[in-house]
Amino acid sequence: MVIPPPVRPDRVLKYLKPYVLRMHFTNKYVNAQVVHTPTATVAASASSQEKGLRLAMVESKENTRDVAAAAKIGKLLGERLQAKGVPAISVFFKKEQRYHGKVKAVIDSVREAGIELV
């Protein structure tokens, strides 16, 4: 027997945040992904480790870990979210993350791509 999920009123659904942006920065790369929390699946992701993007950045002598790379990752992630039909996301900050530098570049680029932040 399958138990259906609970029916929530519209006022509750309005404030749920099913799509969450998570960012991870290493000494070499920038990674960002949007997770659909009710199903725990990745809706879209972008990374400077992706072969096509990494090769293009290396050929043009760009860095794969700086603020400009973070802005490119945010723009690419925003385009992929638009293609999937995700209208809005919320942002998950780790304890040590602040809204400046690479974090700000990713978030602003996603916002410029047309994704609303909740």
PDB file of N, CA and C in Angstrom:
ATOM      1  N   MET A   1       0.833  -1.181   0.000  1.00  0.00           N
ATOM      2  CA  MET A   1       0.000   0.000   0.000  1.00  0.00           C
ATOM      3  C   MET A   1       0.885   1.255   0.000  1.00  0.00           C
ATOM      4  N   VAL A   2       0.574   2.189  -0.864  1.00  0.00           N
ATOM      5  CA  VAL A   2       1.341   3.423  -0.969  1.00  0.00           C
ATOM      6  C   VAL A   2       0.594   4.537  -0.260  1.00  0.00           C
ATOM      7  N   ILE A   3       1.305   5.226   0.616  1.00  0.00           N
ATOM      8  CA  ILE A   3       0.701   6.330   1.355  1.00  0.00           C
ATOM      9  C   ILE A   3       0.990   7.614   0.592  1.00  0.00           C
ATOM     10  N   PRO A   4      -0.045   8.356   0.188  1.00  0.00           N
ATOM     11  CA  PRO A   4       0.187   9.600  -0.556  1.00  0.00           C
ATOM     12  C   PRO A   4       0.782  10.672   0.356  1.00  0.00           C
ATOM     13  N   PRO A   5       1.506  11.616  -0.213  1.00  0.00           N
ATOM     14  CA  PRO A   5       2.058  12.697   0.605  1.00  0.00           C
ATOM     15  C   PRO A   5       0.941  13.573   1.150  1.00  0.00           C
ATOM     16  N   PRO A   6       1.193  14.271   2.248  1.00  0.00           N
ATOM     17  CA  PRO A   6       0.144  15.115   2.815  1.00  0.00           C
ATOM     18  C   PRO A   6      -0.198  16.281   1.892  1.00  0.00           C
ATOM     19  N   VAL A   7      -1.451  16.663   1.903  1.00  0.00           N
ATOM     20  CA  VAL A   7      -1.905  17.800   1.102  1.00  0.00           C
ATOM     21  C   VAL A   7      -1.688  19.055   1.932  1.00  0.00           C
ATOM     22  N   ARG A   8      -0.883  19.960   1.398  1.00  0.00           N
ATOM     23  CA  ARG A   8      -0.571  21.174   2.133  1.00  0.00           C
ATOM     24  C   ARG A   8      -1.371  22.335   1.556  1.00  0.00           C
ATOM     25  N   PRO A   9      -1.820  23.247   2.411  1.00  0.00           N
ATOM     26  CA  PRO A   9      -2.524  24.424   1.898  1.00  0.00           C
ATOM     27  C   PRO A   9      -1.583  25.306   1.075  1.00  0.00           C
ATOM     28  N   ASP A  10      -2.161  26.127   0.204  1.00  0.00           N
ATOM     29  CA  ASP A  10      -1.369  26.998  -0.673  1.00  0.00           C
ATOM     30  C   ASP A  10      -0.495  27.964   0.112  1.00  0.00           C
ATOM     31  N   ARG A  11      -0.967  28.419   1.253  1.00  0.00           N
ATOM     32  CA  ARG A  11      -0.177  29.374   2.031  1.00  0.00           C
ATOM     33  C   ARG A  11       1.114  28.733   2.543  1.00  0.00           C
ATOM     34  N   VAL A  12       1.101  27.418   2.789  1.00  0.00           N
ATOM     35  CA  VAL A  12       2.306  26.722   3.221  1.00  0.00           C
ATOM     36  C   VAL A  12       3.216  26.466   2.026  1.00  0.00           C
ATOM     37  N   LEU A  13       2.651  26.054   0.898  1.00  0.00           N
ATOM     38  CA  LEU A  13       3.445  25.780  -0.292  1.00  0.00           C
ATOM     39  C   LEU A  13       4.179  27.017  -0.781  1.00  0.00           C
ATOM     40  N   LYS A  14       3.594  28.191  -0.530  1.00  0.00           N
ATOM     41  CA  LYS A  14       4.206  29.437  -0.979  1.00  0.00           C
ATOM     42  C   LYS A  14       5.560  29.674  -0.306  1.00  0.00           C
ATOM     43  N   TYR A  15       5.711  29.195   0.924  1.00  0.00           N
ATOM     44  CA  TYR A  15       6.927  29.474   1.677  1.00  0.00           C
ATOM     45  C   TYR A  15       7.906  28.305   1.727  1.00  0.00           C
ATOM     46  N   LEU A  16       7.565  27.176   1.120  1.00  0.00           N
ATOM     47  CA  LEU A  16       8.518  26.077   1.054  1.00  0.00           C
ATOM     48  C   LEU A  16       9.631  26.433   0.076  1.00  0.00           C
ATOM     49  N   LYS A  17      10.808  25.975   0.341  1.00  0.00           N
ATOM     50  CA  LYS A  17      11.949  26.272  -0.512  1.00  0.00           C
ATOM     51  C   LYS A  17      12.501  24.960  -1.064  1.00  0.00           C
ATOM     52  N   PRO A  18      11.906  24.470  -2.138  1.00  0.00           N
ATOM     53  CA  PRO A  18      12.331  23.153  -2.600  1.00  0.00           C
ATOM     54  C   PRO A  18      13.674  23.149  -3.320  1.00  0.00           C
ATOM     55  N   TYR A  19      14.084  24.239  -3.951  1.00  0.00           N
ATOM     56  CA  TYR A  19      15.348  24.268  -4.687  1.00  0.00           C
ATOM     57  C   TYR A  19      16.369  25.089  -3.912  1.00  0.00           C
ATOM     58  N   VAL A  20      17.476  24.460  -3.556  1.00  0.00           N
ATOM     59  CA  VAL A  20      18.489  25.108  -2.725  1.00  0.00           C
ATOM     60  C   VAL A  20      19.821  25.120  -3.469  1.00  0.00           C
ATOM     61  N   LEU A  21      20.450  26.295  -3.546  1.00  0.00           N
ATOM     62  CA  LEU A  21      21.763  26.451  -4.169  1.00  0.00           C
ATOM     63  C   LEU A  21      22.839  26.162  -3.137  1.00  0.00           C
ATOM     64  N   ARG A  22      23.736  25.238  -3.474  1.00  0.00           N
ATOM     65  CA  ARG A  22      24.866  24.912  -2.611  1.00  0.00           C
ATOM     66  C   ARG A  22      26.152  25.154  -3.399  1.00  0.00           C
ATOM     67  N   MET A  23      27.105  25.777  -2.751  1.00  0.00           N
ATOM     68  CA  MET A  23      28.362  26.114  -3.414  1.00  0.00           C
ATOM     69  C   MET A  23      29.529  25.494  -2.650  1.00  0.00           C
ATOM     70  N   HIS A  24      30.526  25.076  -3.420  1.00  0.00           N
ATOM     71  CA  HIS A  24      31.726  24.510  -2.812  1.00  0.00           C
ATOM     72  C   HIS A  24      32.934  25.059  -3.569  1.00  0.00           C
ATOM     73  N   PHE A  25      33.891  25.572  -2.821  1.00  0.00           N
ATOM     74  CA  PHE A  25      35.081  26.163  -3.418  1.00  0.00           C
ATOM     75  C   PHE A  25      36.319  25.416  -2.930  1.00  0.00           C
ATOM     76  N   THR A  26      37.148  24.965  -3.862  1.00  0.00           N
ATOM     77  CA  THR A  26      38.418  24.338  -3.501  1.00  0.00           C
ATOM     78  C   THR A  26      39.545  25.265  -3.925  1.00  0.00           C
ATOM     79  N   ASN A  27      40.769  24.823  -3.701  1.00  0.00           N
ATOM     80  CA  ASN A  27      41.914  25.638  -4.096  1.00  0.00           C
ATOM     81  C   ASN A  27      42.091  25.682  -5.604  1.00  0.00           C
ATOM     82  N   LYS A  28      41.432  24.783  -6.345  1.00  0.00           N
ATOM     83  CA  LYS A  28      41.573  24.743  -7.802  1.00  0.00           C
ATOM     84  C   LYS A  28      40.293  25.033  -8.550  1.00  0.00           C
ATOM     85  N   TYR A  29      39.134  24.723  -7.978  1.00  0.00           N
ATOM     86  CA  TYR A  29      37.890  24.761  -8.740  1.00  0.00           C
ATOM     87  C   TYR A  29      36.751  25.413  -7.966  1.00  0.00           C
ATOM     88  N   VAL A  30      35.704  25.772  -8.724  1.00  0.00           N
ATOM     89  CA  VAL A  30      34.468  26.318  -8.176  1.00  0.00           C
ATOM     90  C   VAL A  30      33.346  25.372  -8.577  1.00  0.00           C
ATOM     91  N   ASN A  31      32.532  24.948  -7.615  1.00  0.00           N
ATOM     92  CA  ASN A  31      31.419  24.044  -7.876  1.00  0.00           C
ATOM     93  C   ASN A  31      30.138  24.642  -7.318  1.00  0.00           C
ATOM     94  N   ALA A  32      29.048  24.508  -8.053  1.00  0.00           N
ATOM     95  CA  ALA A  32      27.744  24.962  -7.579  1.00  0.00           C
ATOM     96  C   ALA A  32      26.689  23.988  -8.078  1.00  0.00           C
ATOM     97  N   GLN A  33      25.712  23.699  -7.232  1.00  0.00           N
ATOM     98  CA  GLN A  33      24.628  22.819  -7.642  1.00  0.00           C
ATOM     99  C   GLN A  33      23.341  23.247  -6.964  1.00  0.00           C
ATOM    100  N   VAL A  34      22.236  22.956  -7.622  1.00  0.00           N
ATOM    101  CA  VAL A  34      20.916  23.238  -7.071  1.00  0.00           C
ATOM    102  C   VAL A  34      20.263  21.901  -6.772  1.00  0.00           C
ATOM    103  N   VAL A  35      19.882  21.709  -5.512  1.00  0.00           N
ATOM    104  CA  VAL A  35      19.317  20.443  -5.056  1.00  0.00           C
ATOM    105  C   VAL A  35      17.824  20.613  -4.836  1.00  0.00           C
ATOM    106  N   HIS A  36      17.033  19.655  -5.336  1.00  0.00           N
ATOM    107  CA  HIS A  36      15.600  19.616  -5.076  1.00  0.00           C
ATOM    108  C   HIS A  36      15.427  18.861  -3.768  1.00  0.00           C
ATOM    109  N   THR A  37      15.161  19.566  -2.677  1.00  0.00           N
ATOM    110  CA  THR A  37      15.205  18.964  -1.353  1.00  0.00           C
ATOM    111  C   THR A  37      14.138  17.903  -1.091  1.00  0.00           C
ATOM    112  N   PRO A  38      12.903  18.022  -1.597  1.00  0.00           N
ATOM    113  CA  PRO A  38      11.937  16.958  -1.300  1.00  0.00           C
ATOM    114  C   PRO A  38      12.342  15.591  -1.853  1.00  0.00           C
ATOM    115  N   THR A  39      13.009  15.565  -3.004  1.00  0.00           N
ATOM    116  CA  THR A  39      13.420  14.288  -3.589  1.00  0.00           C
ATOM    117  C   THR A  39      14.914  14.029  -3.428  1.00  0.00           C
ATOM    118  N   ALA A  40      15.663  14.984  -2.900  1.00  0.00           N
ATOM    119  CA  ALA A  40      17.106  14.874  -2.692  1.00  0.00           C
ATOM    120  C   ALA A  40      17.840  14.547  -3.988  1.00  0.00           C
ATOM    121  N   THR A  41      17.433  15.200  -5.084  1.00  0.00           N
ATOM    122  CA  THR A  41      18.108  15.024  -6.359  1.00  0.00           C
ATOM    123  C   THR A  41      18.705  16.353  -6.805  1.00  0.00           C
ATOM    124  N   VAL A  42      19.713  16.275  -7.638  1.00  0.00           N
ATOM    125  CA  VAL A  42      20.358  17.475  -8.155  1.00  0.00           C
ATOM    126  C   VAL A  42      19.586  17.942  -9.385  1.00  0.00           C
ATOM    127  N   ALA A  43      19.040  19.144  -9.323  1.00  0.00           N
ATOM    128  CA  ALA A  43      18.284  19.697 -10.446  1.00  0.00           C
ATOM    129  C   ALA A  43      19.224  20.182 -11.541  1.00  0.00           C
ATOM    130  N   ALA A  44      20.296  20.863 -11.153  1.00  0.00           N
ATOM    131  CA  ALA A  44      21.287  21.355 -12.117  1.00  0.00           C
ATOM    132  C   ALA A  44      22.583  21.599 -11.371  1.00  0.00           C
ATOM    133  N   SER A  45      23.681  21.488 -12.105  1.00  0.00           N
ATOM    134  CA  SER A  45      24.973  21.757 -11.491  1.00  0.00           C
ATOM    135  C   SER A  45      25.917  22.349 -12.531  1.00  0.00           C
ATOM    136  N   ALA A  46      26.933  23.042 -12.040  1.00  0.00           N
ATOM    137  CA  ALA A  46      27.966  23.601 -12.899  1.00  0.00           C
ATOM    138  C   ALA A  46      29.266  23.614 -12.106  1.00  0.00           C
ATOM    139  N   SER A  47      30.365  23.387 -12.805  1.00  0.00           N
ATOM    140  CA  SER A  47      31.655  23.332 -12.145  1.00  0.00           C
ATOM    141  C   SER A  47      32.738  23.770 -13.111  1.00  0.00           C
ATOM    142  N   SER A  48      33.800  24.334 -12.572  1.00  0.00           N
ATOM    143  CA  SER A  48      34.930  24.677 -13.420  1.00  0.00           C
ATOM    144  C   SER A  48      35.775  23.441 -13.712  1.00  0.00           C
ATOM    145  N   GLN A  49      35.382  22.279 -13.198  1.00  0.00           N
ATOM    146  CA  GLN A  49      36.047  21.018 -13.506  1.00  0.00           C
ATOM    147  C   GLN A  49      35.510  20.378 -14.775  1.00  0.00           C
ATOM    148  N   GLU A  50      34.368  20.864 -15.289  1.00  0.00           N
ATOM    149  CA  GLU A  50      33.789  20.288 -16.500  1.00  0.00           C
ATOM    150  C   GLU A  50      34.793  20.431 -17.640  1.00  0.00           C
ATOM    151  N   LYS A  51      34.914  19.375 -18.413  1.00  0.00           N
ATOM    152  CA  LYS A  51      35.984  19.298 -19.402  1.00  0.00           C
ATOM    153  C   LYS A  51      35.957  20.453 -20.402  1.00  0.00           C
ATOM    154  N   GLY A  52      34.805  20.728 -20.987  1.00  0.00           N
ATOM    155  CA  GLY A  52      34.717  21.792 -21.992  1.00  0.00           C
ATOM    156  C   GLY A  52      35.024  23.159 -21.418  1.00  0.00           C
ATOM    157  N   LEU A  53      34.489  23.457 -20.262  1.00  0.00           N
ATOM    158  CA  LEU A  53      34.704  24.756 -19.632  1.00  0.00           C
ATOM    159  C   LEU A  53      36.153  24.897 -19.165  1.00  0.00           C
ATOM    160  N   ARG A  54      36.693  23.851 -18.564  1.00  0.00           N
ATOM    161  CA  ARG A  54      38.061  23.898 -18.062  1.00  0.00           C
ATOM    162  C   ARG A  54      39.060  24.103 -19.195  1.00  0.00           C
ATOM    163  N   LEU A  55      38.871  23.371 -20.298  1.00  0.00           N
ATOM    164  CA  LEU A  55      39.785  23.517 -21.431  1.00  0.00           C
ATOM    165  C   LEU A  55      39.702  24.914 -22.036  1.00  0.00           C
ATOM    166  N   ALA A  56      38.493  25.464 -22.136  1.00  0.00           N
ATOM    167  CA  ALA A  56      38.341  26.820 -22.675  1.00  0.00           C
ATOM    168  C   ALA A  56      39.004  27.850 -21.771  1.00  0.00           C
ATOM    169  N   MET A  57      38.905  27.660 -20.460  1.00  0.00           N
ATOM    170  CA  MET A  57      39.516  28.607 -19.534  1.00  0.00           C
ATOM    171  C   MET A  57      41.037  28.508 -19.556  1.00  0.00           C
ATOM    172  N   VAL A  58      41.544  27.302 -19.686  1.00  0.00           N
ATOM    173  CA  VAL A  58      43.002  27.122 -19.711  1.00  0.00           C
ATOM    174  C   VAL A  58      43.585  27.691 -21.003  1.00  0.00           C
ATOM    175  N   GLU A  59      42.903  27.478 -22.129  1.00  0.00           N
ATOM    176  CA  GLU A  59      43.394  28.000 -23.406  1.00  0.00           C
ATOM    177  C   GLU A  59      43.439  29.521 -23.429  1.00  0.00           C
ATOM    178  N   SER A  60      42.457  30.154 -22.792  1.00  0.00           N
ATOM    179  CA  SER A  60      42.448  31.614 -22.770  1.00  0.00           C
ATOM    180  C   SER A  60      43.203  32.172 -21.564  1.00  0.00           C
ATOM    181  N   LYS A  61      43.957  31.301 -20.876  1.00  0.00           N
ATOM    182  CA  LYS A  61      44.802  31.670 -19.738  1.00  0.00           C
ATOM    183  C   LYS A  61      44.013  32.305 -18.600  1.00  0.00           C
ATOM    184  N   GLU A  62      42.787  31.816 -18.385  1.00  0.00           N
ATOM    185  CA  GLU A  62      41.981  32.272 -17.253  1.00  0.00           C
ATOM    186  C   GLU A  62      42.158  31.306 -16.097  1.00  0.00           C
ATOM    187  N   ASN A  63      41.895  31.789 -14.917  1.00  0.00           N
ATOM    188  CA  ASN A  63      42.012  30.977 -13.722  1.00  0.00           C
ATOM    189  C   ASN A  63      40.703  30.210 -13.503  1.00  0.00           C
ATOM    190  N   THR A  64      40.773  29.001 -12.962  1.00  0.00           N
ATOM    191  CA  THR A  64      39.568  28.200 -12.722  1.00  0.00           C
ATOM    192  C   THR A  64      39.058  28.337 -11.294  1.00  0.00           C
ATOM    193  N   ARG A  65      39.628  29.265 -10.526  1.00  0.00           N
ATOM    194  CA  ARG A  65      39.229  29.349  -9.122  1.00  0.00           C
ATOM    195  C   ARG A  65      38.943  30.760  -8.619  1.00  0.00           C
ATOM    196  N   ASP A  66      39.049  31.770  -9.461  1.00  0.00           N
ATOM    197  CA  ASP A  66      38.890  33.137  -8.979  1.00  0.00           C
ATOM    198  C   ASP A  66      37.444  33.616  -9.112  1.00  0.00           C
ATOM    199  N   VAL A  67      37.229  34.885  -8.860  1.00  0.00           N
ATOM    200  CA  VAL A  67      35.890  35.470  -8.876  1.00  0.00           C
ATOM    201  C   VAL A  67      35.299  35.451 -10.287  1.00  0.00           C
ATOM    202  N   ALA A  68      36.117  35.654 -11.300  1.00  0.00           N
ATOM    203  CA  ALA A  68      35.618  35.616 -12.678  1.00  0.00           C
ATOM    204  C   ALA A  68      35.130  34.213 -13.039  1.00  0.00           C
ATOM    205  N   ALA A  69      35.833  33.193 -12.573  1.00  0.00           N
ATOM    206  CA  ALA A  69      35.400  31.817 -12.812  1.00  0.00           C
ATOM    207  C   ALA A  69      34.090  31.544 -12.079  1.00  0.00           C
ATOM    208  N   ALA A  70      33.950  32.073 -10.875  1.00  0.00           N
ATOM    209  CA  ALA A  70      32.712  31.899 -10.114  1.00  0.00           C
ATOM    210  C   ALA A  70      31.541  32.563 -10.829  1.00  0.00           C
ATOM    211  N   ALA A  71      31.779  33.721 -11.442  1.00  0.00           N
ATOM    212  CA  ALA A  71      30.723  34.393 -12.196  1.00  0.00           C
ATOM    213  C   ALA A  71      30.309  33.563 -13.410  1.00  0.00           C
ATOM    214  N   LYS A  72      31.283  32.960 -14.098  1.00  0.00           N
ATOM    215  CA  LYS A  72      30.950  32.105 -15.245  1.00  0.00           C
ATOM    216  C   LYS A  72      30.138  30.894 -14.819  1.00  0.00           C
ATOM    217  N   ILE A  73      30.500  30.310 -13.687  1.00  0.00           N
ATOM    218  CA  ILE A  73      29.774  29.142 -13.176  1.00  0.00           C
ATOM    219  C   ILE A  73      28.347  29.536 -12.821  1.00  0.00           C
ATOM    220  N   GLY A  74      28.160  30.681 -12.209  1.00  0.00           N
ATOM    221  CA  GLY A  74      26.815  31.149 -11.873  1.00  0.00           C
ATOM    222  C   GLY A  74      25.967  31.391 -13.112  1.00  0.00           C
ATOM    223  N   LYS A  75      26.562  31.972 -14.137  1.00  0.00           N
ATOM    224  CA  LYS A  75      25.839  32.223 -15.384  1.00  0.00           C
ATOM    225  C   LYS A  75      25.433  30.909 -16.051  1.00  0.00           C
ATOM    226  N   LEU A  76      26.360  29.950 -16.092  1.00  0.00           N
ATOM    227  CA  LEU A  76      26.073  28.646 -16.681  1.00  0.00           C
ATOM    228  C   LEU A  76      24.991  27.906 -15.898  1.00  0.00           C
ATOM    229  N   LEU A  77      25.059  27.990 -14.579  1.00  0.00           N
ATOM    230  CA  LEU A  77      24.049  27.348 -13.735  1.00  0.00           C
ATOM    231  C   LEU A  77      22.678  27.990 -13.941  1.00  0.00           C
ATOM    232  N   GLY A  78      22.644  29.313 -14.062  1.00  0.00           N
ATOM    233  CA  GLY A  78      21.385  30.009 -14.317  1.00  0.00           C
ATOM    234  C   GLY A  78      20.760  29.601 -15.638  1.00  0.00           C
ATOM    235  N   GLU A  79      21.576  29.456 -16.669  1.00  0.00           N
ATOM    236  CA  GLU A  79      21.063  29.016 -17.974  1.00  0.00           C
ATOM    237  C   GLU A  79      20.507  27.598 -17.896  1.00  0.00           C
ATOM    238  N   ARG A  80      21.189  26.725 -17.173  1.00  0.00           N
ATOM    239  CA  ARG A  80      20.707  25.350 -17.036  1.00  0.00           C
ATOM    240  C   ARG A  80      19.413  25.283 -16.233  1.00  0.00           C
ATOM    241  N   LEU A  81      19.282  26.147 -15.233  1.00  0.00           N
ATOM    242  CA  LEU A  81      18.032  26.190 -14.462  1.00  0.00           C
ATOM    243  C   LEU A  81      16.888  26.710 -15.314  1.00  0.00           C
ATOM    244  N   GLN A  82      17.161  27.711 -16.149  1.00  0.00           N
ATOM    245  CA  GLN A  82      16.132  28.215 -17.062  1.00  0.00           C
ATOM    246  C   GLN A  82      15.661  27.108 -17.994  1.00  0.00           C
ATOM    247  N   ALA A  83      16.592  26.303 -18.504  1.00  0.00           N
ATOM    248  CA  ALA A  83      16.247  25.216 -19.415  1.00  0.00           C
ATOM    249  C   ALA A  83      15.398  24.153 -18.711  1.00  0.00           C
ATOM    250  N   LYS A  84      15.649  23.930 -17.417  1.00  0.00           N
ATOM    251  CA  LYS A  84      14.874  22.951 -16.653  1.00  0.00           C
ATOM    252  C   LYS A  84      13.516  23.498 -16.213  1.00  0.00           C
ATOM    253  N   GLY A  85      13.348  24.815 -16.243  1.00  0.00           N
ATOM    254  CA  GLY A  85      12.084  25.421 -15.843  1.00  0.00           C
ATOM    255  C   GLY A  85      11.990  25.707 -14.358  1.00  0.00           C
ATOM    256  N   VAL A  86      13.124  25.888 -13.693  1.00  0.00           N
ATOM    257  CA  VAL A  86      13.124  26.215 -12.266  1.00  0.00           C
ATOM    258  C   VAL A  86      13.007  27.727 -12.127  1.00  0.00           C
ATOM    259  N   PRO A  87      11.926  28.244 -11.524  1.00  0.00           N
ATOM    260  CA  PRO A  87      11.733  29.693 -11.469  1.00  0.00           C
ATOM    261  C   PRO A  87      12.507  30.391 -10.358  1.00  0.00           C
ATOM    262  N   ALA A  88      12.686  29.712  -9.212  1.00  0.00           N
ATOM    263  CA  ALA A  88      13.288  30.375  -8.064  1.00  0.00           C
ATOM    264  C   ALA A  88      14.083  29.371  -7.237  1.00  0.00           C
ATOM    265  N   ILE A  89      15.098  29.889  -6.551  1.00  0.00           N
ATOM    266  CA  ILE A  89      15.912  29.054  -5.675  1.00  0.00           C
ATOM    267  C   ILE A  89      16.155  29.805  -4.375  1.00  0.00           C
ATOM    268  N   SER A  90      16.568  29.082  -3.356  1.00  0.00           N
ATOM    269  CA  SER A  90      17.055  29.707  -2.139  1.00  0.00           C
ATOM    270  C   SER A  90      18.526  29.343  -1.999  1.00  0.00           C
ATOM    271  N   VAL A  91      19.239  30.054  -1.150  1.00  0.00           N
ATOM    272  CA  VAL A  91      20.684  29.885  -1.036  1.00  0.00           C
ATOM    273  C   VAL A  91      21.006  29.278   0.325  1.00  0.00           C
ATOM    274  N   PHE A  92      21.877  28.276   0.314  1.00  0.00           N
ATOM    275  CA  PHE A  92      22.353  27.655   1.546  1.00  0.00           C
ATOM    276  C   PHE A  92      23.786  28.107   1.773  1.00  0.00           C
ATOM    277  N   PHE A  93      24.020  28.801   2.876  1.00  0.00           N
ATOM    278  CA  PHE A  93      25.361  29.251   3.228  1.00  0.00           C
ATOM    279  C   PHE A  93      25.955  28.303   4.254  1.00  0.00           C
ATOM    280  N   LYS A  94      27.204  27.920   4.045  1.00  0.00           N
ATOM    281  CA  LYS A  94      27.912  27.177   5.078  1.00  0.00           C
ATOM    282  C   LYS A  94      28.289  28.157   6.180  1.00  0.00           C
ATOM    283  N   LYS A  95      28.742  27.629   7.285  1.00  0.00           N
ATOM    284  CA  LYS A  95      29.038  28.459   8.444  1.00  0.00           C
ATOM    285  C   LYS A  95      30.063  29.549   8.146  1.00  0.00           C
ATOM    286  N   GLU A  96      31.078  29.204   7.360  1.00  0.00           N
ATOM    287  CA  GLU A  96      32.152  30.154   7.115  1.00  0.00           C
ATOM    288  C   GLU A  96      31.914  31.047   5.899  1.00  0.00           C
ATOM    289  N   GLN A  97      30.838  30.821   5.141  1.00  0.00           N
ATOM    290  CA  GLN A  97      30.607  31.603   3.926  1.00  0.00           C
ATOM    291  C   GLN A  97      29.922  32.932   4.246  1.00  0.00           C
ATOM    292  N   ARG A  98      30.402  33.956   3.596  1.00  0.00           N
ATOM    293  CA  ARG A  98      29.821  35.293   3.700  1.00  0.00           C
ATOM    294  C   ARG A  98      29.433  35.741   2.302  1.00  0.00           C
ATOM    295  N   TYR A  99      28.572  36.747   2.205  1.00  0.00           N
ATOM    296  CA  TYR A  99      28.108  37.236   0.909  1.00  0.00           C
ATOM    297  C   TYR A  99      29.117  38.246   0.363  1.00  0.00           C
ATOM    298  N   HIS A 100      30.260  37.753  -0.095  1.00  0.00           N
ATOM    299  CA  HIS A 100      31.249  38.574  -0.780  1.00  0.00           C
ATOM    300  C   HIS A 100      32.172  37.656  -1.562  1.00  0.00           C
ATOM    301  N   GLY A 101      32.901  38.220  -2.484  1.00  0.00           N
ATOM    302  CA  GLY A 101      33.860  37.454  -3.256  1.00  0.00           C
ATOM    303  C   GLY A 101      33.204  36.453  -4.199  1.00  0.00           C
ATOM    304  N   LYS A 102      33.652  35.207  -4.155  1.00  0.00           N
ATOM    305  CA  LYS A 102      33.157  34.172  -5.059  1.00  0.00           C
ATOM    306  C   LYS A 102      31.686  33.864  -4.822  1.00  0.00           C
ATOM    307  N   VAL A 103      31.274  33.859  -3.562  1.00  0.00           N
ATOM    308  CA  VAL A 103      29.874  33.576  -3.232  1.00  0.00           C
ATOM    309  C   VAL A 103      28.971  34.627  -3.866  1.00  0.00           C
ATOM    310  N   LYS A 104      29.345  35.873  -3.729  1.00  0.00           N
ATOM    311  CA  LYS A 104      28.568  36.961  -4.314  1.00  0.00           C
ATOM    312  C   LYS A 104      28.547  36.866  -5.830  1.00  0.00           C
ATOM    313  N   ALA A 105      29.671  36.491  -6.437  1.00  0.00           N
ATOM    314  CA  ALA A 105      29.745  36.380  -7.893  1.00  0.00           C
ATOM    315  C   ALA A 105      28.803  35.295  -8.413  1.00  0.00           C
ATOM    316  N   VAL A 106      28.767  34.150  -7.748  1.00  0.00           N
ATOM    317  CA  VAL A 106      27.870  33.069  -8.171  1.00  0.00           C
ATOM    318  C   VAL A 106      26.413  33.494  -8.037  1.00  0.00           C
ATOM    319  N   ILE A 107      26.059  34.040  -6.889  1.00  0.00           N
ATOM    320  CA  ILE A 107      24.662  34.414  -6.632  1.00  0.00           C
ATOM    321  C   ILE A 107      24.207  35.520  -7.577  1.00  0.00           C
ATOM    322  N   ASP A 108      25.035  36.532  -7.787  1.00  0.00           N
ATOM    323  CA  ASP A 108      24.654  37.623  -8.686  1.00  0.00           C
ATOM    324  C   ASP A 108      24.515  37.147 -10.127  1.00  0.00           C
ATOM    325  N   SER A 109      25.371  36.238 -10.553  1.00  0.00           N
ATOM    326  CA  SER A 109      25.288  35.719 -11.924  1.00  0.00           C
ATOM    327  C   SER A 109      24.026  34.887 -12.126  1.00  0.00           C
ATOM    328  N   VAL A 110      23.657  34.106 -11.124  1.00  0.00           N
ATOM    329  CA  VAL A 110      22.413  33.331 -11.209  1.00  0.00           C
ATOM    330  C   VAL A 110      21.216  34.267 -11.271  1.00  0.00           C
ATOM    331  N   ARG A 111      21.263  35.331 -10.479  1.00  0.00           N
ATOM    332  CA  ARG A 111      20.171  36.313 -10.467  1.00  0.00           C
ATOM    333  C   ARG A 111      20.071  37.033 -11.817  1.00  0.00           C
ATOM    334  N   GLU A 112      21.214  37.375 -12.419  1.00  0.00           N
ATOM    335  CA  GLU A 112      21.226  38.046 -13.714  1.00  0.00           C
ATOM    336  C   GLU A 112      20.712  37.139 -14.835  1.00  0.00           C
ATOM    337  N   ALA A 113      20.851  35.823 -14.646  1.00  0.00           N
ATOM    338  CA  ALA A 113      20.373  34.872 -15.655  1.00  0.00           C
ATOM    339  C   ALA A 113      18.850  34.752 -15.636  1.00  0.00           C
ATOM    340  N   GLY A 114      18.191  35.361 -14.647  1.00  0.00           N
ATOM    341  CA  GLY A 114      16.730  35.364 -14.617  1.00  0.00           C
ATOM    342  C   GLY A 114      16.114  34.469 -13.568  1.00  0.00           C
ATOM    343  N   ILE A 115      16.912  33.935 -12.665  1.00  0.00           N
ATOM    344  CA  ILE A 115      16.394  33.082 -11.603  1.00  0.00           C
ATOM    345  C   ILE A 115      16.134  33.960 -10.379  1.00  0.00           C
ATOM    346  N   GLU A 116      14.951  33.820  -9.801  1.00  0.00           N
ATOM    347  CA  GLU A 116      14.595  34.607  -8.629  1.00  0.00           C
ATOM    348  C   GLU A 116      15.142  33.946  -7.377  1.00  0.00           C
ATOM    349  N   LEU A 117      15.620  34.754  -6.435  1.00  0.00           N
ATOM    350  CA  LEU A 117      16.107  34.233  -5.167  1.00  0.00           C
ATOM    351  C   LEU A 117      15.038  34.420  -4.102  1.00  0.00           C
ATOM    352  N   VAL A 118      14.773  33.339  -3.401  1.00  0.00           N
ATOM    353  CA  VAL A 118      13.732  33.372  -2.355  1.00  0.00           C
ATOM    354  C   VAL A 118      14.401  33.405  -1.009  1.00  0.00           C
TER     355      VAL A 118
END
